[in-house]
């Protein structure tokens, strides 16, 4: 096999891997919820009962909000996710099973 054939096979393999590891909408929502919970946990007192209850309630609210406010653009090899928070938004790239924040505005 010559170098061109090997190169083409490698490109095809990368494209197939990208297709099969393109994260789903639910993967994004789970990731965004984890990020939001980590941000909230930094601001909460772990010894406070009120903060613990607030954390449990907010998990459900965050999940519902992400389901209704997230838009997905699927490009087969990767996906672009946009979540609107009123005046703020997050745009993230989903590729190879991971998410990369492209733009975040407050």
PDB file of N, CA and C in Angstrom:
ATOM      1  N   UNK A   1       0.838  -1.179   0.000  1.00  0.00           N
ATOM      2  CA  UNK A   1       0.000   0.000   0.000  1.00  0.00           C
ATOM      3  C   UNK A   1       0.881   1.240   0.000  1.00  0.00           C
ATOM      4  N   UNK A   2       0.515   2.171  -0.824  1.00  0.00           N
ATOM      5  CA  UNK A   2       1.328   3.383  -0.862  1.00  0.00           C
ATOM      6  C   UNK A   2       0.862   4.364   0.222  1.00  0.00           C
ATOM      7  N   UNK A   3       1.601   5.436   0.379  1.00  0.00           N
ATOM      8  CA  UNK A   3       1.340   6.411   1.451  1.00  0.00           C
ATOM      9  C   UNK A   3      -0.015   7.095   1.292  1.00  0.00           C
ATOM     10  N   UNK A   4      -0.439   7.330   0.063  1.00  0.00           N
ATOM     11  CA  UNK A   4      -1.731   7.985  -0.161  1.00  0.00           C
ATOM     12  C   UNK A   4      -2.877   7.106   0.342  1.00  0.00           C
ATOM     13  N   UNK A   5      -2.827   5.816   0.055  1.00  0.00           N
ATOM     14  CA  UNK A   5      -3.872   4.899   0.532  1.00  0.00           C
ATOM     15  C   UNK A   5      -3.908   4.837   2.054  1.00  0.00           C
ATOM     16  N   UNK A   6      -2.759   4.790   2.678  1.00  0.00           N
ATOM     17  CA  UNK A   6      -2.683   4.773   4.136  1.00  0.00           C
ATOM     18  C   UNK A   6      -3.259   6.062   4.708  1.00  0.00           C
ATOM     19  N   UNK A   7      -2.930   7.189   4.092  1.00  0.00           N
ATOM     20  CA  UNK A   7      -3.448   8.479   4.536  1.00  0.00           C
ATOM     21  C   UNK A   7      -4.970   8.517   4.420  1.00  0.00           C
ATOM     22  N   UNK A   8      -5.508   8.047   3.306  1.00  0.00           N
ATOM     23  CA  UNK A   8      -6.958   8.033   3.091  1.00  0.00           C
ATOM     24  C   UNK A   8      -7.638   7.114   4.113  1.00  0.00           C
ATOM     25  N   UNK A   9      -7.068   5.957   4.385  1.00  0.00           N
ATOM     26  CA  UNK A   9      -7.631   5.054   5.387  1.00  0.00           C
ATOM     27  C   UNK A   9      -7.614   5.683   6.776  1.00  0.00           C
ATOM     28  N   UNK A  10      -6.563   6.410   7.098  1.00  0.00           N
ATOM     29  CA  UNK A  10      -6.489   7.091   8.394  1.00  0.00           C
ATOM     30  C   UNK A  10      -7.561   8.171   8.499  1.00  0.00           C
ATOM     31  N   UNK A  11      -7.761   8.933   7.438  1.00  0.00           N
ATOM     32  CA  UNK A  11      -8.801   9.974   7.424  1.00  0.00           C
ATOM     33  C   UNK A  11     -10.177   9.340   7.593  1.00  0.00           C
ATOM     34  N   UNK A  12     -10.432   8.261   6.899  1.00  0.00           N
ATOM     35  CA  UNK A  12     -11.712   7.564   7.017  1.00  0.00           C
ATOM     36  C   UNK A  12     -11.906   7.040   8.436  1.00  0.00           C
ATOM     37  N   UNK A  13     -10.850   6.485   9.026  1.00  0.00           N
ATOM     38  CA  UNK A  13     -10.942   5.973  10.396  1.00  0.00           C
ATOM     39  C   UNK A  13     -11.262   7.101  11.382  1.00  0.00           C
ATOM     40  N   UNK A  14     -10.609   8.247  11.240  1.00  0.00           N
ATOM     41  CA  UNK A  14     -10.870   9.393  12.123  1.00  0.00           C
ATOM     42  C   UNK A  14     -12.307   9.875  11.943  1.00  0.00           C
ATOM     43  N   UNK A  15     -12.770   9.917  10.702  1.00  0.00           N
ATOM     44  CA  UNK A  15     -14.145  10.351  10.441  1.00  0.00           C
ATOM     45  C   UNK A  15     -15.153   9.386  11.071  1.00  0.00           C
ATOM     46  N   UNK A  16     -14.921   8.098  10.971  1.00  0.00           N
ATOM     47  CA  UNK A  16     -15.819   7.114  11.580  1.00  0.00           C
ATOM     48  C   UNK A  16     -15.815   7.226  13.102  1.00  0.00           C
ATOM     49  N   UNK A  17     -14.643   7.425  13.675  1.00  0.00           N
ATOM     50  CA  UNK A  17     -14.558   7.603  15.127  1.00  0.00           C
ATOM     51  C   UNK A  17     -15.322   8.856  15.546  1.00  0.00           C
ATOM     52  N   UNK A  18     -15.185   9.932  14.776  1.00  0.00           N
ATOM     53  CA  UNK A  18     -15.901  11.174  15.088  1.00  0.00           C
ATOM     54  C   UNK A  18     -17.409  10.961  15.020  1.00  0.00           C
ATOM     55  N   UNK A  19     -17.871  10.226  14.035  1.00  0.00           N
ATOM     56  CA  UNK A  19     -19.312   9.969  13.901  1.00  0.00           C
ATOM     57  C   UNK A  19     -19.832   9.179  15.100  1.00  0.00           C
ATOM     58  N   UNK A  20     -19.128   8.121  15.472  1.00  0.00           N
ATOM     59  CA  UNK A  20     -19.612   7.251  16.542  1.00  0.00           C
ATOM     60  C   UNK A  20     -19.412   7.830  17.937  1.00  0.00           C
ATOM     61  N   UNK A  21     -18.554   8.837  18.083  1.00  0.00           N
ATOM     62  CA  UNK A  21     -18.337   9.447  19.393  1.00  0.00           C
ATOM     63  C   UNK A  21     -18.921  10.853  19.484  1.00  0.00           C
ATOM     64  N   UNK A  22     -19.723  11.248  18.495  1.00  0.00           N
ATOM     65  CA  UNK A  22     -20.382  12.547  18.529  1.00  0.00           C
ATOM     66  C   UNK A  22     -21.365  12.544  19.701  1.00  0.00           C
ATOM     67  N   UNK A  23     -21.174  13.419  20.702  1.00  0.00           N
ATOM     68  CA  UNK A  23     -22.033  13.378  21.889  1.00  0.00           C
ATOM     69  C   UNK A  23     -23.488  13.720  21.567  1.00  0.00           C
ATOM     70  N   UNK A  24     -24.381  13.085  22.295  1.00  0.00           N
ATOM     71  CA  UNK A  24     -25.813  13.324  22.112  1.00  0.00           C
ATOM     72  C   UNK A  24     -26.249  14.556  22.899  1.00  0.00           C
ATOM     73  N   UNK A  25     -27.472  14.959  22.682  1.00  0.00           N
ATOM     74  CA  UNK A  25     -28.051  16.096  23.415  1.00  0.00           C
ATOM     75  C   UNK A  25     -28.074  15.794  24.911  1.00  0.00           C
ATOM     76  N   UNK A  26     -28.418  14.547  25.267  1.00  0.00           N
ATOM     77  CA  UNK A  26     -28.453  14.165  26.681  1.00  0.00           C
ATOM     78  C   UNK A  26     -27.047  14.182  27.292  1.00  0.00           C
ATOM     79  N   UNK A  27     -26.041  13.789  26.517  1.00  0.00           N
ATOM     80  CA  UNK A  27     -24.652  13.882  27.003  1.00  0.00           C
ATOM     81  C   UNK A  27     -24.295  15.325  27.335  1.00  0.00           C
ATOM     82  N   UNK A  28     -24.695  16.245  26.459  1.00  0.00           N
ATOM     83  CA  UNK A  28     -24.422  17.666  26.706  1.00  0.00           C
ATOM     84  C   UNK A  28     -25.149  18.151  27.955  1.00  0.00           C
ATOM     85  N   UNK A  29     -26.417  17.783  28.089  1.00  0.00           N
ATOM     86  CA  UNK A  29     -27.188  18.228  29.245  1.00  0.00           C
ATOM     87  C   UNK A  29     -26.564  17.700  30.538  1.00  0.00           C
ATOM     88  N   UNK A  30     -26.134  16.443  30.538  1.00  0.00           N
ATOM     89  CA  UNK A  30     -25.461  15.888  31.719  1.00  0.00           C
ATOM     90  C   UNK A  30     -24.172  16.647  32.020  1.00  0.00           C
ATOM     91  N   UNK A  31     -23.393  16.942  30.983  1.00  0.00           N
ATOM     92  CA  UNK A  31     -22.143  17.682  31.162  1.00  0.00           C
ATOM     93  C   UNK A  31     -22.410  19.095  31.690  1.00  0.00           C
ATOM     94  N   UNK A  32     -23.354  19.800  31.079  1.00  0.00           N
ATOM     95  CA  UNK A  32     -23.671  21.170  31.499  1.00  0.00           C
ATOM     96  C   UNK A  32     -24.207  21.188  32.923  1.00  0.00           C
ATOM     97  N   UNK A  33     -24.994  20.195  33.281  1.00  0.00           N
ATOM     98  CA  UNK A  33     -25.524  20.119  34.644  1.00  0.00           C
ATOM     99  C   UNK A  33     -24.385  19.890  35.637  1.00  0.00           C
ATOM    100  N   UNK A  34     -23.447  19.025  35.303  1.00  0.00           N
ATOM    101  CA  UNK A  34     -22.289  18.794  36.179  1.00  0.00           C
ATOM    102  C   UNK A  34     -21.477  20.069  36.367  1.00  0.00           C
ATOM    103  N   UNK A  35     -21.269  20.808  35.282  1.00  0.00           N
ATOM    104  CA  UNK A  35     -20.513  22.065  35.369  1.00  0.00           C
ATOM    105  C   UNK A  35     -21.253  23.070  36.251  1.00  0.00           C
ATOM    106  N   UNK A  36     -22.568  23.180  36.063  1.00  0.00           N
ATOM    107  CA  UNK A  36     -23.360  24.116  36.858  1.00  0.00           C
ATOM    108  C   UNK A  36     -23.340  23.723  38.334  1.00  0.00           C
ATOM    109  N   UNK A  37     -23.437  22.434  38.621  1.00  0.00           N
ATOM    110  CA  UNK A  37     -23.414  21.974  40.008  1.00  0.00           C
ATOM    111  C   UNK A  37     -22.054  22.231  40.657  1.00  0.00           C
ATOM    112  N   UNK A  38     -20.985  22.064  39.895  1.00  0.00           N
ATOM    113  CA  UNK A  38     -19.645  22.351  40.438  1.00  0.00           C
ATOM    114  C   UNK A  38     -19.503  23.827  40.775  1.00  0.00           C
ATOM    115  N   UNK A  39     -20.028  24.683  39.910  1.00  0.00           N
ATOM    116  CA  UNK A  39     -19.981  26.128  40.165  1.00  0.00           C
ATOM    117  C   UNK A  39     -20.777  26.476  41.416  1.00  0.00           C
ATOM    118  N   UNK A  40     -21.951  25.868  41.553  1.00  0.00           N
ATOM    119  CA  UNK A  40     -22.782  26.144  42.722  1.00  0.00           C
ATOM    120  C   UNK A  40     -22.132  25.606  43.995  1.00  0.00           C
ATOM    121  N   UNK A  41     -21.501  24.439  43.915  1.00  0.00           N
ATOM    122  CA  UNK A  41     -20.885  23.827  45.087  1.00  0.00           C
ATOM    123  C   UNK A  41     -19.757  24.692  45.640  1.00  0.00           C
ATOM    124  N   UNK A  42     -19.071  25.410  44.776  1.00  0.00           N
ATOM    125  CA  UNK A  42     -17.992  26.283  45.226  1.00  0.00           C
ATOM    126  C   UNK A  42     -18.522  27.430  46.075  1.00  0.00           C
ATOM    127  N   UNK A  43     -19.765  27.813  45.842  1.00  0.00           N
ATOM    128  CA  UNK A  43     -20.346  28.942  46.558  1.00  0.00           C
ATOM    129  C   UNK A  43     -21.154  28.516  47.774  1.00  0.00           C
ATOM    130  N   UNK A  44     -21.359  27.209  47.961  1.00  0.00           N
ATOM    131  CA  UNK A  44     -22.177  26.727  49.071  1.00  0.00           C
ATOM    132  C   UNK A  44     -21.310  26.248  50.228  1.00  0.00           C
ATOM    133  N   UNK A  45     -21.894  26.286  51.413  1.00  0.00           N
ATOM    134  CA  UNK A  45     -21.270  25.762  52.619  1.00  0.00           C
ATOM    135  C   UNK A  45     -21.674  24.293  52.754  1.00  0.00           C
ATOM    136  N   UNK A  46     -20.715  23.357  52.702  1.00  0.00           N
ATOM    137  CA  UNK A  46     -21.074  21.935  52.756  1.00  0.00           C
ATOM    138  C   UNK A  46     -21.699  21.517  54.085  1.00  0.00           C
ATOM    139  N   UNK A  47     -21.527  22.302  55.134  1.00  0.00           N
ATOM    140  CA  UNK A  47     -22.077  21.965  56.436  1.00  0.00           C
ATOM    141  C   UNK A  47     -23.471  22.545  56.658  1.00  0.00           C
ATOM    142  N   UNK A  48     -23.976  23.314  55.706  1.00  0.00           N
ATOM    143  CA  UNK A  48     -25.274  23.961  55.850  1.00  0.00           C
ATOM    144  C   UNK A  48     -26.382  23.057  55.314  1.00  0.00           C
ATOM    145  N   UNK A  49     -27.382  22.820  56.145  1.00  0.00           N
ATOM    146  CA  UNK A  49     -28.529  21.997  55.721  1.00  0.00           C
ATOM    147  C   UNK A  49     -29.314  22.713  54.630  1.00  0.00           C
ATOM    148  N   UNK A  50     -29.473  24.019  54.778  1.00  0.00           N
ATOM    149  CA  UNK A  50     -30.210  24.793  53.775  1.00  0.00           C
ATOM    150  C   UNK A  50     -29.518  24.727  52.416  1.00  0.00           C
ATOM    151  N   UNK A  51     -28.197  24.848  52.400  1.00  0.00           N
ATOM    152  CA  UNK A  51     -27.466  24.748  51.141  1.00  0.00           C
ATOM    153  C   UNK A  51     -27.590  23.351  50.535  1.00  0.00           C
ATOM    154  N   UNK A  52     -27.632  22.315  51.373  1.00  0.00           N
ATOM    155  CA  UNK A  52     -27.795  20.943  50.873  1.00  0.00           C
ATOM    156  C   UNK A  52     -29.161  20.764  50.213  1.00  0.00           C
ATOM    157  N   UNK A  53     -30.201  21.283  50.856  1.00  0.00           N
ATOM    158  CA  UNK A  53     -31.551  21.191  50.289  1.00  0.00           C
ATOM    159  C   UNK A  53     -31.631  21.997  49.005  1.00  0.00           C
ATOM    160  N   UNK A  54     -31.044  23.189  49.018  1.00  0.00           N
ATOM    161  CA  UNK A  54     -31.027  24.030  47.819  1.00  0.00           C
ATOM    162  C   UNK A  54     -30.328  23.308  46.672  1.00  0.00           C
ATOM    163  N   UNK A  55     -29.242  22.611  46.964  1.00  0.00           N
ATOM    164  CA  UNK A  55     -28.519  21.861  45.942  1.00  0.00           C
ATOM    165  C   UNK A  55     -29.361  20.773  45.313  1.00  0.00           C
ATOM    166  N   UNK A  56     -30.134  20.064  46.125  1.00  0.00           N
ATOM    167  CA  UNK A  56     -30.996  18.999  45.607  1.00  0.00           C
ATOM    168  C   UNK A  56     -32.109  19.556  44.731  1.00  0.00           C
ATOM    169  N   UNK A  57     -32.732  20.639  45.165  1.00  0.00           N
ATOM    170  CA  UNK A  57     -33.810  21.252  44.399  1.00  0.00           C
ATOM    171  C   UNK A  57     -33.274  21.855  43.109  1.00  0.00           C
ATOM    172  N   UNK A  58     -32.122  22.498  43.204  1.00  0.00           N
ATOM    173  CA  UNK A  58     -31.568  23.154  42.017  1.00  0.00           C
ATOM    174  C   UNK A  58     -31.162  22.154  40.944  1.00  0.00           C
ATOM    175  N   UNK A  59     -30.782  20.941  41.330  1.00  0.00           N
ATOM    176  CA  UNK A  59     -30.421  19.911  40.343  1.00  0.00           C
ATOM    177  C   UNK A  59     -31.588  19.650  39.393  1.00  0.00           C
ATOM    178  N   UNK A  60     -32.783  19.515  39.938  1.00  0.00           N
ATOM    179  CA  UNK A  60     -33.968  19.274  39.121  1.00  0.00           C
ATOM    180  C   UNK A  60     -34.298  20.484  38.248  1.00  0.00           C
ATOM    181  N   UNK A  61     -34.185  21.673  38.832  1.00  0.00           N
ATOM    182  CA  UNK A  61     -34.477  22.897  38.080  1.00  0.00           C
ATOM    183  C   UNK A  61     -33.487  23.075  36.934  1.00  0.00           C
ATOM    184  N   UNK A  62     -32.216  22.858  37.214  1.00  0.00           N
ATOM    185  CA  UNK A  62     -31.176  22.995  36.186  1.00  0.00           C
ATOM    186  C   UNK A  62     -31.436  22.007  35.049  1.00  0.00           C
ATOM    187  N   UNK A  63     -31.746  20.774  35.390  1.00  0.00           N
ATOM    188  CA  UNK A  63     -31.985  19.757  34.370  1.00  0.00           C
ATOM    189  C   UNK A  63     -33.157  20.135  33.481  1.00  0.00           C
ATOM    190  N   UNK A  64     -34.264  20.553  34.082  1.00  0.00           N
ATOM    191  CA  UNK A  64     -35.432  20.962  33.298  1.00  0.00           C
ATOM    192  C   UNK A  64     -35.119  22.164  32.421  1.00  0.00           C
ATOM    193  N   UNK A  65     -34.390  23.127  32.971  1.00  0.00           N
ATOM    194  CA  UNK A  65     -34.061  24.323  32.201  1.00  0.00           C
ATOM    195  C   UNK A  65     -33.156  23.986  31.020  1.00  0.00           C
ATOM    196  N   UNK A  66     -32.172  23.151  31.239  1.00  0.00           N
ATOM    197  CA  UNK A  66     -31.273  22.766  30.143  1.00  0.00           C
ATOM    198  C   UNK A  66     -32.026  22.040  29.032  1.00  0.00           C
ATOM    199  N   UNK A  67     -32.991  21.209  29.401  1.00  0.00           N
ATOM    200  CA  UNK A  67     -33.784  20.505  28.386  1.00  0.00           C
ATOM    201  C   UNK A  67     -34.565  21.469  27.508  1.00  0.00           C
ATOM    202  N   UNK A  68     -35.073  22.547  28.092  1.00  0.00           N
ATOM    203  CA  UNK A  68     -35.918  23.460  27.320  1.00  0.00           C
ATOM    204  C   UNK A  68     -35.141  24.574  26.630  1.00  0.00           C
ATOM    205  N   UNK A  69     -33.947  24.903  27.106  1.00  0.00           N
ATOM    206  CA  UNK A  69     -33.241  26.071  26.563  1.00  0.00           C
ATOM    207  C   UNK A  69     -32.026  25.727  25.712  1.00  0.00           C
ATOM    208  N   UNK A  70     -31.774  24.457  25.473  1.00  0.00           N
ATOM    209  CA  UNK A  70     -30.604  24.047  24.700  1.00  0.00           C
ATOM    210  C   UNK A  70     -31.004  23.733  23.265  1.00  0.00           C
ATOM    211  N   UNK A  71     -30.257  24.306  22.337  1.00  0.00           N
ATOM    212  CA  UNK A  71     -30.455  24.034  20.909  1.00  0.00           C
ATOM    213  C   UNK A  71     -29.247  23.262  20.396  1.00  0.00           C
ATOM    214  N   UNK A  72     -29.507  22.264  19.589  1.00  0.00           N
ATOM    215  CA  UNK A  72     -28.470  21.394  19.054  1.00  0.00           C
ATOM    216  C   UNK A  72     -28.400  21.538  17.546  1.00  0.00           C
ATOM    217  N   UNK A  73     -27.184  21.705  17.032  1.00  0.00           N
ATOM    218  CA  UNK A  73     -26.925  21.650  15.587  1.00  0.00           C
ATOM    219  C   UNK A  73     -25.970  20.483  15.357  1.00  0.00           C
ATOM    220  N   UNK A  74     -26.464  19.402  14.768  1.00  0.00           N
ATOM    221  CA  UNK A  74     -25.668  18.199  14.565  1.00  0.00           C
ATOM    222  C   UNK A  74     -25.096  18.210  13.156  1.00  0.00           C
ATOM    223  N   UNK A  75     -23.763  18.136  13.071  1.00  0.00           N
ATOM    224  CA  UNK A  75     -23.062  18.139  11.792  1.00  0.00           C
ATOM    225  C   UNK A  75     -22.412  16.787  11.503  1.00  0.00           C
ATOM    226  N   UNK A  76     -22.961  15.719  12.040  1.00  0.00           N
ATOM    227  CA  UNK A  76     -22.549  14.338  11.864  1.00  0.00           C
ATOM    228  C   UNK A  76     -21.225  14.025  12.556  1.00  0.00           C
ATOM    229  N   UNK A  77     -20.159  14.765  12.266  1.00  0.00           N
ATOM    230  CA  UNK A  77     -18.849  14.515  12.873  1.00  0.00           C
ATOM    231  C   UNK A  77     -18.698  15.230  14.208  1.00  0.00           C
ATOM    232  N   UNK A  78     -19.467  16.278  14.421  1.00  0.00           N
ATOM    233  CA  UNK A  78     -19.443  17.061  15.659  1.00  0.00           C
ATOM    234  C   UNK A  78     -20.795  17.748  15.806  1.00  0.00           C
ATOM    235  N   UNK A  79     -21.030  18.311  16.973  1.00  0.00           N
ATOM    236  CA  UNK A  79     -22.278  19.030  17.229  1.00  0.00           C
ATOM    237  C   UNK A  79     -21.963  20.348  17.919  1.00  0.00           C
ATOM    238  N   UNK A  80     -22.816  21.333  17.673  1.00  0.00           N
ATOM    239  CA  UNK A  80     -22.724  22.630  18.336  1.00  0.00           C
ATOM    240  C   UNK A  80     -23.965  22.768  19.220  1.00  0.00           C
ATOM    241  N   UNK A  81     -23.740  23.089  20.481  1.00  0.00           N
ATOM    242  CA  UNK A  81     -24.824  23.247  21.446  1.00  0.00           C
ATOM    243  C   UNK A  81     -24.855  24.703  21.893  1.00  0.00           C
ATOM    244  N   UNK A  82     -26.046  25.267  21.960  1.00  0.00           N
ATOM    245  CA  UNK A  82     -26.219  26.631  22.456  1.00  0.00           C
ATOM    246  C   UNK A  82     -27.303  26.603  23.525  1.00  0.00           C
ATOM    247  N   UNK A  83     -26.930  27.075  24.709  1.00  0.00           N
ATOM    248  CA  UNK A  83     -27.873  27.169  25.816  1.00  0.00           C
ATOM    249  C   UNK A  83     -28.033  28.631  26.180  1.00  0.00           C
ATOM    250  N   UNK A  84     -29.276  29.114  26.130  1.00  0.00           N
ATOM    251  CA  UNK A  84     -29.575  30.507  26.448  1.00  0.00           C
ATOM    252  C   UNK A  84     -30.046  30.624  27.885  1.00  0.00           C
ATOM    253  N   UNK A  85     -29.505  31.616  28.577  1.00  0.00           N
ATOM    254  CA  UNK A  85     -29.892  31.923  29.960  1.00  0.00           C
ATOM    255  C   UNK A  85     -30.416  33.349  30.030  1.00  0.00           C
ATOM    256  N   UNK A  86     -31.303  33.711  29.150  1.00  0.00           N
ATOM    257  CA  UNK A  86     -31.793  35.083  29.117  1.00  0.00           C
ATOM    258  C   UNK A  86     -30.752  35.996  28.482  1.00  0.00           C
ATOM    259  N   UNK A  87     -30.069  36.778  29.294  1.00  0.00           N
ATOM    260  CA  UNK A  87     -29.043  37.690  28.782  1.00  0.00           C
ATOM    261  C   UNK A  87     -27.710  36.995  28.532  1.00  0.00           C
ATOM    262  N   UNK A  88     -27.519  35.816  29.072  1.00  0.00           N
ATOM    263  CA  UNK A  88     -26.263  35.089  28.920  1.00  0.00           C
ATOM    264  C   UNK A  88     -26.494  33.840  28.060  1.00  0.00           C
ATOM    265  N   UNK A  89     -25.396  33.306  27.523  1.00  0.00           N
ATOM    266  CA  UNK A  89     -25.500  32.076  26.747  1.00  0.00           C
ATOM    267  C   UNK A  89     -24.154  31.352  26.751  1.00  0.00           C
ATOM    268  N   UNK A  90     -24.215  30.074  26.420  1.00  0.00           N
ATOM    269  CA  UNK A  90     -23.013  29.242  26.284  1.00  0.00           C
ATOM    270  C   UNK A  90     -23.110  28.542  24.937  1.00  0.00           C
ATOM    271  N   UNK A  91     -22.013  28.557  24.195  1.00  0.00           N
ATOM    272  CA  UNK A  91     -21.914  27.791  22.956  1.00  0.00           C
ATOM    273  C   UNK A  91     -20.776  26.793  23.160  1.00  0.00           C
ATOM    274  N   UNK A  92     -21.086  25.502  22.937  1.00  0.00           N
ATOM    275  CA  UNK A  92     -20.092  24.455  23.151  1.00  0.00           C
ATOM    276  C   UNK A  92     -20.024  23.534  21.937  1.00  0.00           C
ATOM    277  N   UNK A  93     -18.833  23.038  21.677  1.00  0.00           N
ATOM    278  CA  UNK A  93     -18.578  22.078  20.610  1.00  0.00           C
ATOM    279  C   UNK A  93     -18.510  20.695  21.236  1.00  0.00           C
ATOM    280  N   UNK A  94     -19.260  19.758  20.694  1.00  0.00           N
ATOM    281  CA  UNK A  94     -19.189  18.371  21.128  1.00  0.00           C
ATOM    282  C   UNK A  94     -18.508  17.549  20.053  1.00  0.00           C
ATOM    283  N   UNK A  95     -17.369  16.961  20.405  1.00  0.00           N
ATOM    284  CA  UNK A  95     -16.613  16.174  19.424  1.00  0.00           C
ATOM    285  C   UNK A  95     -15.796  15.114  20.161  1.00  0.00           C
ATOM    286  N   UNK A  96     -15.729  13.927  19.590  1.00  0.00           N
ATOM    287  CA  UNK A  96     -14.979  12.803  20.155  1.00  0.00           C
ATOM    288  C   UNK A  96     -15.355  12.539  21.611  1.00  0.00           C
ATOM    289  N   UNK A  97     -16.641  12.695  21.946  1.00  0.00           N
ATOM    290  CA  UNK A  97     -17.120  12.397  23.284  1.00  0.00           C
ATOM    291  C   UNK A  97     -16.798  13.445  24.332  1.00  0.00           C
ATOM    292  N   UNK A  98     -16.321  14.606  23.918  1.00  0.00           N
ATOM    293  CA  UNK A  98     -15.954  15.675  24.848  1.00  0.00           C
ATOM    294  C   UNK A  98     -16.639  16.981  24.438  1.00  0.00           C
ATOM    295  N   UNK A  99     -16.631  17.937  25.360  1.00  0.00           N
ATOM    296  CA  UNK A  99     -17.221  19.250  25.103  1.00  0.00           C
ATOM    297  C   UNK A  99     -16.176  20.320  25.306  1.00  0.00           C
ATOM    298  N   UNK A 100     -16.185  21.288  24.408  1.00  0.00           N
ATOM    299  CA  UNK A 100     -15.272  22.420  24.463  1.00  0.00           C
ATOM    300  C   UNK A 100     -16.130  23.675  24.396  1.00  0.00           C
ATOM    301  N   UNK A 101     -15.992  24.543  25.400  1.00  0.00           N
ATOM    302  CA  UNK A 101     -16.755  25.796  25.402  1.00  0.00           C
ATOM    303  C   UNK A 101     -16.133  26.717  24.372  1.00  0.00           C
ATOM    304  N   UNK A 102     -16.916  27.137  23.388  1.00  0.00           N
ATOM    305  CA  UNK A 102     -16.442  28.029  22.345  1.00  0.00           C
ATOM    306  C   UNK A 102     -16.689  29.489  22.685  1.00  0.00           C
ATOM    307  N   UNK A 103     -17.823  29.742  23.324  1.00  0.00           N
ATOM    308  CA  UNK A 103     -18.193  31.124  23.637  1.00  0.00           C
ATOM    309  C   UNK A 103     -19.085  31.120  24.859  1.00  0.00           C
ATOM    310  N   UNK A 104     -18.826  32.069  25.739  1.00  0.00           N
ATOM    311  CA  UNK A 104     -19.647  32.215  26.921  1.00  0.00           C
ATOM    312  C   UNK A 104     -19.815  33.702  27.169  1.00  0.00           C
ATOM    313  N   UNK A 105     -21.045  34.163  27.217  1.00  0.00           N
ATOM    314  CA  UNK A 105     -21.296  35.583  27.436  1.00  0.00           C
ATOM    315  C   UNK A 105     -22.250  35.766  28.600  1.00  0.00           C
ATOM    316  N   UNK A 106     -21.958  36.749  29.409  1.00  0.00           N
ATOM    317  CA  UNK A 106     -22.828  37.062  30.563  1.00  0.00           C
ATOM    318  C   UNK A 106     -23.678  38.248  30.259  1.00  0.00           C
TER     319      UNK A 106
END
